[in-house]
Amino acid sequence: MNDRGQVSAWLQAWAHLIPNPGTVLDVACGRGRNARWLAERGNTVIGVDRDPEAVAASSPYGEIIQADIENGPWPFAGRQFNALVVTKYLWRPLMPTLLESLEPGGVLVYETFGVGNEQYNTPRNPDFLLQPGELLRWCADFDIVAYEHGFRADPDHIVQRIVAVRPREGGSFSDYRLNPQDGGGSICE
């Protein structure tokens, strides 16, 4: 994916689909590399991480909540967001909750490690590595805008990533600009 502190290139490539202004939930936000970038582009950022030091570091960029989302209650029950960003994080039991946290027309930008990564770097535990096509299966009811699973260099790793949109009534694929130069802005305008 990228070195510590760098904004996700996958997020940057697809951010034109995220409503701006709009509210983005950054899950396992860490020290705020993506939260900072989203806030600078005009988004309202809500973040969650279990590490108190990470929460303190990322708090200037939005409403950052310290919570253990693997063992505790979901801190955003009943809330929905214009977009959801997840990078370098996987907790399968949380996936249905994450997907339900997107409003209709909401954009999911998800990027984490895939099976095969164990031969290059950490994580090596299969509990934290996506199987081929796993994000596609999780997002089967969503409109898939982009998907990749494969080798990336610098540093060497296997990545799986997806951009998917929770369907909304009356929406169509013509709403999704694969390139911001194709005209239009976010899909929710």
C-alpha atoms as a PDB file:
ATOM      1  CA  MET A   1       0.000   0.000   0.000  1.00  0.00           C
ATOM      2  CA  ASN A   2       2.275   2.798   1.106  1.00  0.00           C
ATOM      3  CA  ASP A   3       4.751   3.895   3.684  1.00  0.00           C
ATOM      4  CA  ARG A   4       3.560   5.092   7.043  1.00  0.00           C
ATOM      5  CA  GLY A   5       2.220   8.602   6.829  1.00  0.00           C
ATOM      6  CA  GLN A   6       1.422   8.625   3.111  1.00  0.00           C
ATOM      7  CA  VAL A   7      -2.162   8.999   1.975  1.00  0.00           C
ATOM      8  CA  SER A   8      -3.561   5.916   0.283  1.00  0.00           C
ATOM      9  CA  ALA A   9      -3.058   6.235  -3.479  1.00  0.00           C
ATOM     10  CA  TRP A  10      -6.212   4.126  -3.936  1.00  0.00           C
ATOM     11  CA  LEU A  11      -8.192   6.667  -1.904  1.00  0.00           C
ATOM     12  CA  GLN A  12      -6.694   9.557  -3.869  1.00  0.00           C
ATOM     13  CA  ALA A  13      -7.527   7.876  -7.176  1.00  0.00           C
ATOM     14  CA  TRP A  14     -11.207   7.437  -6.292  1.00  0.00           C
ATOM     15  CA  ALA A  15     -11.899  10.374  -3.980  1.00  0.00           C
ATOM     16  CA  HIS A  16     -13.660  12.211  -6.812  1.00  0.00           C
ATOM     17  CA  LEU A  17     -16.614   9.875  -6.168  1.00  0.00           C
ATOM     18  CA  ILE A  18     -16.886  10.975  -2.531  1.00  0.00           C
ATOM     19  CA  PRO A  19     -19.304  13.863  -1.985  1.00  0.00           C
ATOM     20  CA  ASN A  20     -17.491  17.033  -1.051  1.00  0.00           C
ATOM     21  CA  PRO A  21     -18.591  18.326   1.299  1.00  0.00           C
ATOM     22  CA  GLY A  22     -19.664  15.026   2.755  1.00  0.00           C
ATOM     23  CA  THR A  23     -19.109  12.966   5.864  1.00  0.00           C
ATOM     24  CA  VAL A  24     -16.517  10.201   5.669  1.00  0.00           C
ATOM     25  CA  LEU A  25     -15.961   7.477   8.267  1.00  0.00           C
ATOM     26  CA  ASP A  26     -12.287   6.444   8.444  1.00  0.00           C
ATOM     27  CA  VAL A  27     -12.191   3.016  10.125  1.00  0.00           C
ATOM     28  CA  ALA A  28      -9.011   2.075  12.009  1.00  0.00           C
ATOM     29  CA  CYS A  29      -7.784   5.562  11.122  1.00  0.00           C
ATOM     30  CA  GLY A  30      -4.451   5.256  12.894  1.00  0.00           C
ATOM     31  CA  ARG A  31      -2.505   8.497  13.111  1.00  0.00           C
ATOM     32  CA  GLY A  32      -4.740  10.192  10.563  1.00  0.00           C
ATOM     33  CA  ARG A  33      -2.882  10.045   7.240  1.00  0.00           C
ATOM     34  CA  ASN A  34      -6.128   9.617   5.278  1.00  0.00           C
ATOM     35  CA  ALA A  35      -8.250  11.666   7.696  1.00  0.00           C
ATOM     36  CA  ARG A  36      -5.961  14.659   7.284  1.00  0.00           C
ATOM     37  CA  TRP A  37      -6.114  14.486   3.499  1.00  0.00           C
ATOM     38  CA  LEU A  38      -9.905  14.097   3.469  1.00  0.00           C
ATOM     39  CA  ALA A  39     -10.333  17.035   5.858  1.00  0.00           C
ATOM     40  CA  GLU A  40      -8.032  19.183   3.715  1.00  0.00           C
ATOM     41  CA  ARG A  41     -10.197  18.500   0.671  1.00  0.00           C
ATOM     42  CA  GLY A  42     -13.283  19.670   2.571  1.00  0.00           C
ATOM     43  CA  ASN A  43     -14.820  16.504   3.963  1.00  0.00           C
ATOM     44  CA  THR A  44     -16.135  16.148   7.481  1.00  0.00           C
ATOM     45  CA  VAL A  45     -14.131  13.259   8.915  1.00  0.00           C
ATOM     46  CA  ILE A  46     -15.274  10.859  11.603  1.00  0.00           C
ATOM     47  CA  GLY A  47     -12.599   8.375  12.616  1.00  0.00           C
ATOM     48  CA  VAL A  48     -12.267   5.439  14.942  1.00  0.00           C
ATOM     49  CA  ASP A  49      -9.208   3.648  16.283  1.00  0.00           C
ATOM     50  CA  ARG A  50      -8.492   1.675  19.440  1.00  0.00           C
ATOM     51  CA  ASP A  51      -5.017   3.138  20.035  1.00  0.00           C
ATOM     52  CA  PRO A  52      -5.195   6.227  22.282  1.00  0.00           C
ATOM     53  CA  GLU A  53      -1.941   7.637  20.849  1.00  0.00           C
ATOM     54  CA  ALA A  54      -3.277   7.284  17.308  1.00  0.00           C
ATOM     55  CA  VAL A  55      -6.540   8.959  18.318  1.00  0.00           C
ATOM     56  CA  ALA A  56      -4.636  11.874  19.850  1.00  0.00           C
ATOM     57  CA  ALA A  57      -2.495  12.252  16.717  1.00  0.00           C
ATOM     58  CA  SER A  58      -5.454  12.187  14.332  1.00  0.00           C
ATOM     59  CA  SER A  59      -7.893  14.270  16.406  1.00  0.00           C
ATOM     60  CA  PRO A  60      -7.002  17.594  14.689  1.00  0.00           C
ATOM     61  CA  TYR A  61      -8.536  16.246  11.471  1.00  0.00           C
ATOM     62  CA  GLY A  62     -12.050  15.497  12.671  1.00  0.00           C
ATOM     63  CA  GLU A  63     -14.178  13.754  15.259  1.00  0.00           C
ATOM     64  CA  ILE A  64     -11.931  10.832  16.215  1.00  0.00           C
ATOM     65  CA  ILE A  65     -13.277   8.261  18.643  1.00  0.00           C
ATOM     66  CA  GLN A  66     -11.277   5.752  20.639  1.00  0.00           C
ATOM     67  CA  ALA A  67     -13.098   2.423  20.574  1.00  0.00           C
ATOM     68  CA  ASP A  68     -12.314  -1.261  20.313  1.00  0.00           C
ATOM     69  CA  ILE A  69     -14.597  -2.097  17.399  1.00  0.00           C
ATOM     70  CA  GLU A  70     -13.613  -5.765  17.499  1.00  0.00           C
ATOM     71  CA  ASN A  71     -14.664  -6.420  21.100  1.00  0.00           C
ATOM     72  CA  GLY A  72     -16.986  -3.560  21.968  1.00  0.00           C
ATOM     73  CA  PRO A  73     -20.190  -2.119  20.583  1.00  0.00           C
ATOM     74  CA  TRP A  74     -20.214  -0.316  17.242  1.00  0.00           C
ATOM     75  CA  PRO A  75     -19.886   3.363  18.246  1.00  0.00           C
ATOM     76  CA  PHE A  76     -21.883   4.594  15.242  1.00  0.00           C
ATOM     77  CA  ALA A  77     -25.095   2.606  15.666  1.00  0.00           C
ATOM     78  CA  GLY A  78     -27.873   4.225  13.681  1.00  0.00           C
ATOM     79  CA  ARG A  79     -25.537   6.553  11.770  1.00  0.00           C
ATOM     80  CA  GLN A  80     -24.854   6.459   8.057  1.00  0.00           C
ATOM     81  CA  PHE A  81     -22.078   8.134   6.117  1.00  0.00           C
ATOM     82  CA  ASN A  82     -21.503   9.471   2.600  1.00  0.00           C
ATOM     83  CA  ALA A  83     -18.322   7.414   2.380  1.00  0.00           C
ATOM     84  CA  LEU A  84     -16.386   4.795   4.286  1.00  0.00           C
ATOM     85  CA  VAL A  85     -12.597   4.444   4.063  1.00  0.00           C
ATOM     86  CA  VAL A  86     -10.761   1.376   5.340  1.00  0.00           C
ATOM     87  CA  THR A  87      -7.053   0.808   4.734  1.00  0.00           C
ATOM     88  CA  LYS A  88      -4.769  -1.862   6.196  1.00  0.00           C
ATOM     89  CA  TYR A  89      -7.528  -3.283   8.393  1.00  0.00           C
ATOM     90  CA  LEU A  90      -9.679  -6.417   8.335  1.00  0.00           C
ATOM     91  CA  TRP A  91     -12.118  -7.746  10.912  1.00  0.00           C
ATOM     92  CA  ARG A  92     -14.592  -9.949   9.062  1.00  0.00           C
ATOM     93  CA  PRO A  93     -17.312  -9.976  11.767  1.00  0.00           C
ATOM     94  CA  LEU A  94     -17.591  -6.191  11.321  1.00  0.00           C
ATOM     95  CA  MET A  95     -18.122  -6.237   7.538  1.00  0.00           C
ATOM     96  CA  PRO A  96     -21.959  -6.305   7.546  1.00  0.00           C
ATOM     97  CA  THR A  97     -22.027  -3.403  10.015  1.00  0.00           C
ATOM     98  CA  LEU A  98     -19.575  -1.409   7.914  1.00  0.00           C
ATOM     99  CA  LEU A  99     -21.604  -1.881   4.751  1.00  0.00           C
ATOM    100  CA  GLU A 100     -24.832  -0.915   6.527  1.00  0.00           C
ATOM    101  CA  SER A 101     -23.122   2.282   7.712  1.00  0.00           C
ATOM    102  CA  LEU A 102     -23.115   3.642   4.170  1.00  0.00           C
ATOM    103  CA  GLU A 103     -26.106   5.674   3.092  1.00  0.00           C
ATOM    104  CA  PRO A 104     -27.679   4.811  -0.275  1.00  0.00           C
ATOM    105  CA  GLY A 105     -25.286   6.202  -2.862  1.00  0.00           C
ATOM    106  CA  GLY A 106     -22.466   6.034  -0.306  1.00  0.00           C
ATOM    107  CA  VAL A 107     -18.976   5.141  -1.489  1.00  0.00           C
ATOM    108  CA  LEU A 108     -16.837   2.371   0.011  1.00  0.00           C
ATOM    109  CA  VAL A 109     -13.073   2.691  -0.493  1.00  0.00           C
ATOM    110  CA  TYR A 110     -11.471  -0.431   1.000  1.00  0.00           C
ATOM    111  CA  GLU A 111      -7.842  -1.523   0.710  1.00  0.00           C
ATOM    112  CA  THR A 112      -6.036  -4.180   2.713  1.00  0.00           C
ATOM    113  CA  PHE A 113      -3.802  -7.212   2.416  1.00  0.00           C
ATOM    114  CA  GLY A 114      -4.651 -10.343   0.464  1.00  0.00           C
ATOM    115  CA  VAL A 115      -3.685 -13.995   0.571  1.00  0.00           C
ATOM    116  CA  GLY A 116      -0.130 -14.326  -0.682  1.00  0.00           C
ATOM    117  CA  ASN A 117       1.096 -11.390   1.371  1.00  0.00           C
ATOM    118  CA  GLU A 118       2.555 -13.827   3.900  1.00  0.00           C
ATOM    119  CA  GLN A 119       5.439 -14.560   1.510  1.00  0.00           C
ATOM    120  CA  TYR A 120       6.471 -10.886   1.466  1.00  0.00           C
ATOM    121  CA  ASN A 121       5.606  -9.130   4.670  1.00  0.00           C
ATOM    122  CA  THR A 122       3.200  -8.904   7.567  1.00  0.00           C
ATOM    123  CA  PRO A 123       0.435  -9.633   8.182  1.00  0.00           C
ATOM    124  CA  ARG A 124       0.909 -13.352   7.685  1.00  0.00           C
ATOM    125  CA  ASN A 125      -2.048 -14.548   9.750  1.00  0.00           C
ATOM    126  CA  PRO A 126      -4.802 -15.735   7.357  1.00  0.00           C
ATOM    127  CA  ASP A 127      -7.377 -14.075   9.622  1.00  0.00           C
ATOM    128  CA  PHE A 128      -6.047 -10.736   8.344  1.00  0.00           C
ATOM    129  CA  LEU A 129      -5.626 -11.636   4.666  1.00  0.00           C
ATOM    130  CA  LEU A 130      -8.480 -11.434   2.183  1.00  0.00           C
ATOM    131  CA  GLN A 131      -9.185 -14.433  -0.015  1.00  0.00           C
ATOM    132  CA  PRO A 132      -9.292 -13.772  -3.777  1.00  0.00           C
ATOM    133  CA  GLY A 133     -12.613 -12.116  -4.591  1.00  0.00           C
ATOM    134  CA  GLU A 134     -13.610 -11.757  -0.950  1.00  0.00           C
ATOM    135  CA  LEU A 135     -14.389  -8.038  -1.130  1.00  0.00           C
ATOM    136  CA  LEU A 136     -16.421  -8.693  -4.283  1.00  0.00           C
ATOM    137  CA  ARG A 137     -18.490 -11.249  -2.383  1.00  0.00           C
ATOM    138  CA  TRP A 138     -18.988  -8.896   0.580  1.00  0.00           C
ATOM    139  CA  CYS A 139     -20.119  -6.167  -1.810  1.00  0.00           C
ATOM    140  CA  ALA A 140     -22.293  -8.388  -4.014  1.00  0.00           C
ATOM    141  CA  ASP A 141     -25.303  -6.081  -3.547  1.00  0.00           C
ATOM    142  CA  PHE A 142     -23.270  -2.946  -4.300  1.00  0.00           C
ATOM    143  CA  ASP A 143     -22.295  -1.371  -7.601  1.00  0.00           C
ATOM    144  CA  ILE A 144     -18.631  -2.261  -8.125  1.00  0.00           C
ATOM    145  CA  VAL A 145     -16.694   0.635  -9.637  1.00  0.00           C
ATOM    146  CA  ALA A 146     -13.155  -0.778  -9.299  1.00  0.00           C
ATOM    147  CA  TYR A 147     -11.502  -3.900  -7.887  1.00  0.00           C
ATOM    148  CA  GLU A 148      -7.954  -5.230  -7.745  1.00  0.00           C
ATOM    149  CA  HIS A 149      -6.196  -8.173  -6.134  1.00  0.00           C
ATOM    150  CA  GLY A 150      -2.526  -8.715  -6.757  1.00  0.00           C
ATOM    151  CA  PHE A 151       1.101  -7.865  -6.229  1.00  0.00           C
ATOM    152  CA  ARG A 152       2.260  -4.307  -5.528  1.00  0.00           C
ATOM    153  CA  ALA A 153       5.862  -3.201  -5.089  1.00  0.00           C
ATOM    154  CA  ASP A 154       7.547  -0.699  -2.789  1.00  0.00           C
ATOM    155  CA  PRO A 155       7.297  -2.448  -0.409  1.00  0.00           C
ATOM    156  CA  ASP A 156       6.414  -5.835  -1.896  1.00  0.00           C
ATOM    157  CA  HIS A 157       2.965  -6.992  -0.794  1.00  0.00           C
ATOM    158  CA  ILE A 158      -0.301  -8.501  -1.983  1.00  0.00           C
ATOM    159  CA  VAL A 159      -3.233  -6.125  -1.860  1.00  0.00           C
ATOM    160  CA  GLN A 160      -6.965  -6.410  -2.389  1.00  0.00           C
ATOM    161  CA  ARG A 161      -8.976  -3.257  -2.857  1.00  0.00           C
ATOM    162  CA  ILE A 162     -12.382  -2.171  -3.983  1.00  0.00           C
ATOM    163  CA  VAL A 163     -14.438   0.901  -4.678  1.00  0.00           C
ATOM    164  CA  ALA A 164     -18.137   0.125  -4.422  1.00  0.00           C
ATOM    165  CA  VAL A 165     -21.294   2.178  -4.142  1.00  0.00           C
ATOM    166  CA  ARG A 166     -24.323   1.264  -2.094  1.00  0.00           C
ATOM    167  CA  PRO A 167     -27.163   1.364  -4.614  1.00  0.00           C
ATOM    168  CA  ARG A 168     -29.701   4.126  -4.423  1.00  0.00           C
ATOM    169  CA  GLU A 169     -33.069   4.316  -6.063  1.00  0.00           C
ATOM    170  CA  GLY A 170     -32.786   5.744  -9.540  1.00  0.00           C
ATOM    171  CA  GLY A 171     -28.984   5.570  -9.630  1.00  0.00           C
ATOM    172  CA  SER A 172     -27.061   4.062 -12.506  1.00  0.00           C
ATOM    173  CA  PHE A 173     -23.484   3.371 -13.548  1.00  0.00           C
ATOM    174  CA  SER A 174     -23.544   6.540 -15.635  1.00  0.00           C
ATOM    175  CA  ASP A 175     -23.305   8.341 -12.282  1.00  0.00           C
ATOM    176  CA  TYR A 176     -19.820   6.934 -11.631  1.00  0.00           C
ATOM    177  CA  ARG A 177     -17.049   8.839 -13.348  1.00  0.00           C
ATOM    178  CA  LEU A 178     -14.019   6.583 -13.634  1.00  0.00           C
ATOM    179  CA  ASN A 179     -11.888   9.628 -14.275  1.00  0.00           C
ATOM    180  CA  PRO A 180     -12.650  13.073 -12.861  1.00  0.00           C
ATOM    181  CA  GLN A 181     -11.778  14.561 -16.265  1.00  0.00           C
ATOM    182  CA  ASP A 182     -14.822  12.744 -17.704  1.00  0.00           C
ATOM    183  CA  GLY A 183     -17.005  15.473 -16.224  1.00  0.00           C
ATOM    184  CA  GLY A 184     -19.115  15.639 -13.127  1.00  0.00           C
ATOM    185  CA  GLY A 185     -18.049  15.346  -9.566  1.00  0.00           C
ATOM    186  CA  SER A 186     -19.189  13.003  -6.859  1.00  0.00           C
ATOM    187  CA  ILE A 187     -21.931  10.499  -7.523  1.00  0.00           C
ATOM    188  CA  CYS A 188     -24.176  12.046  -4.909  1.00  0.00           C
ATOM    189  CA  GLU A 189     -24.376  15.563  -6.306  1.00  0.00           C
END
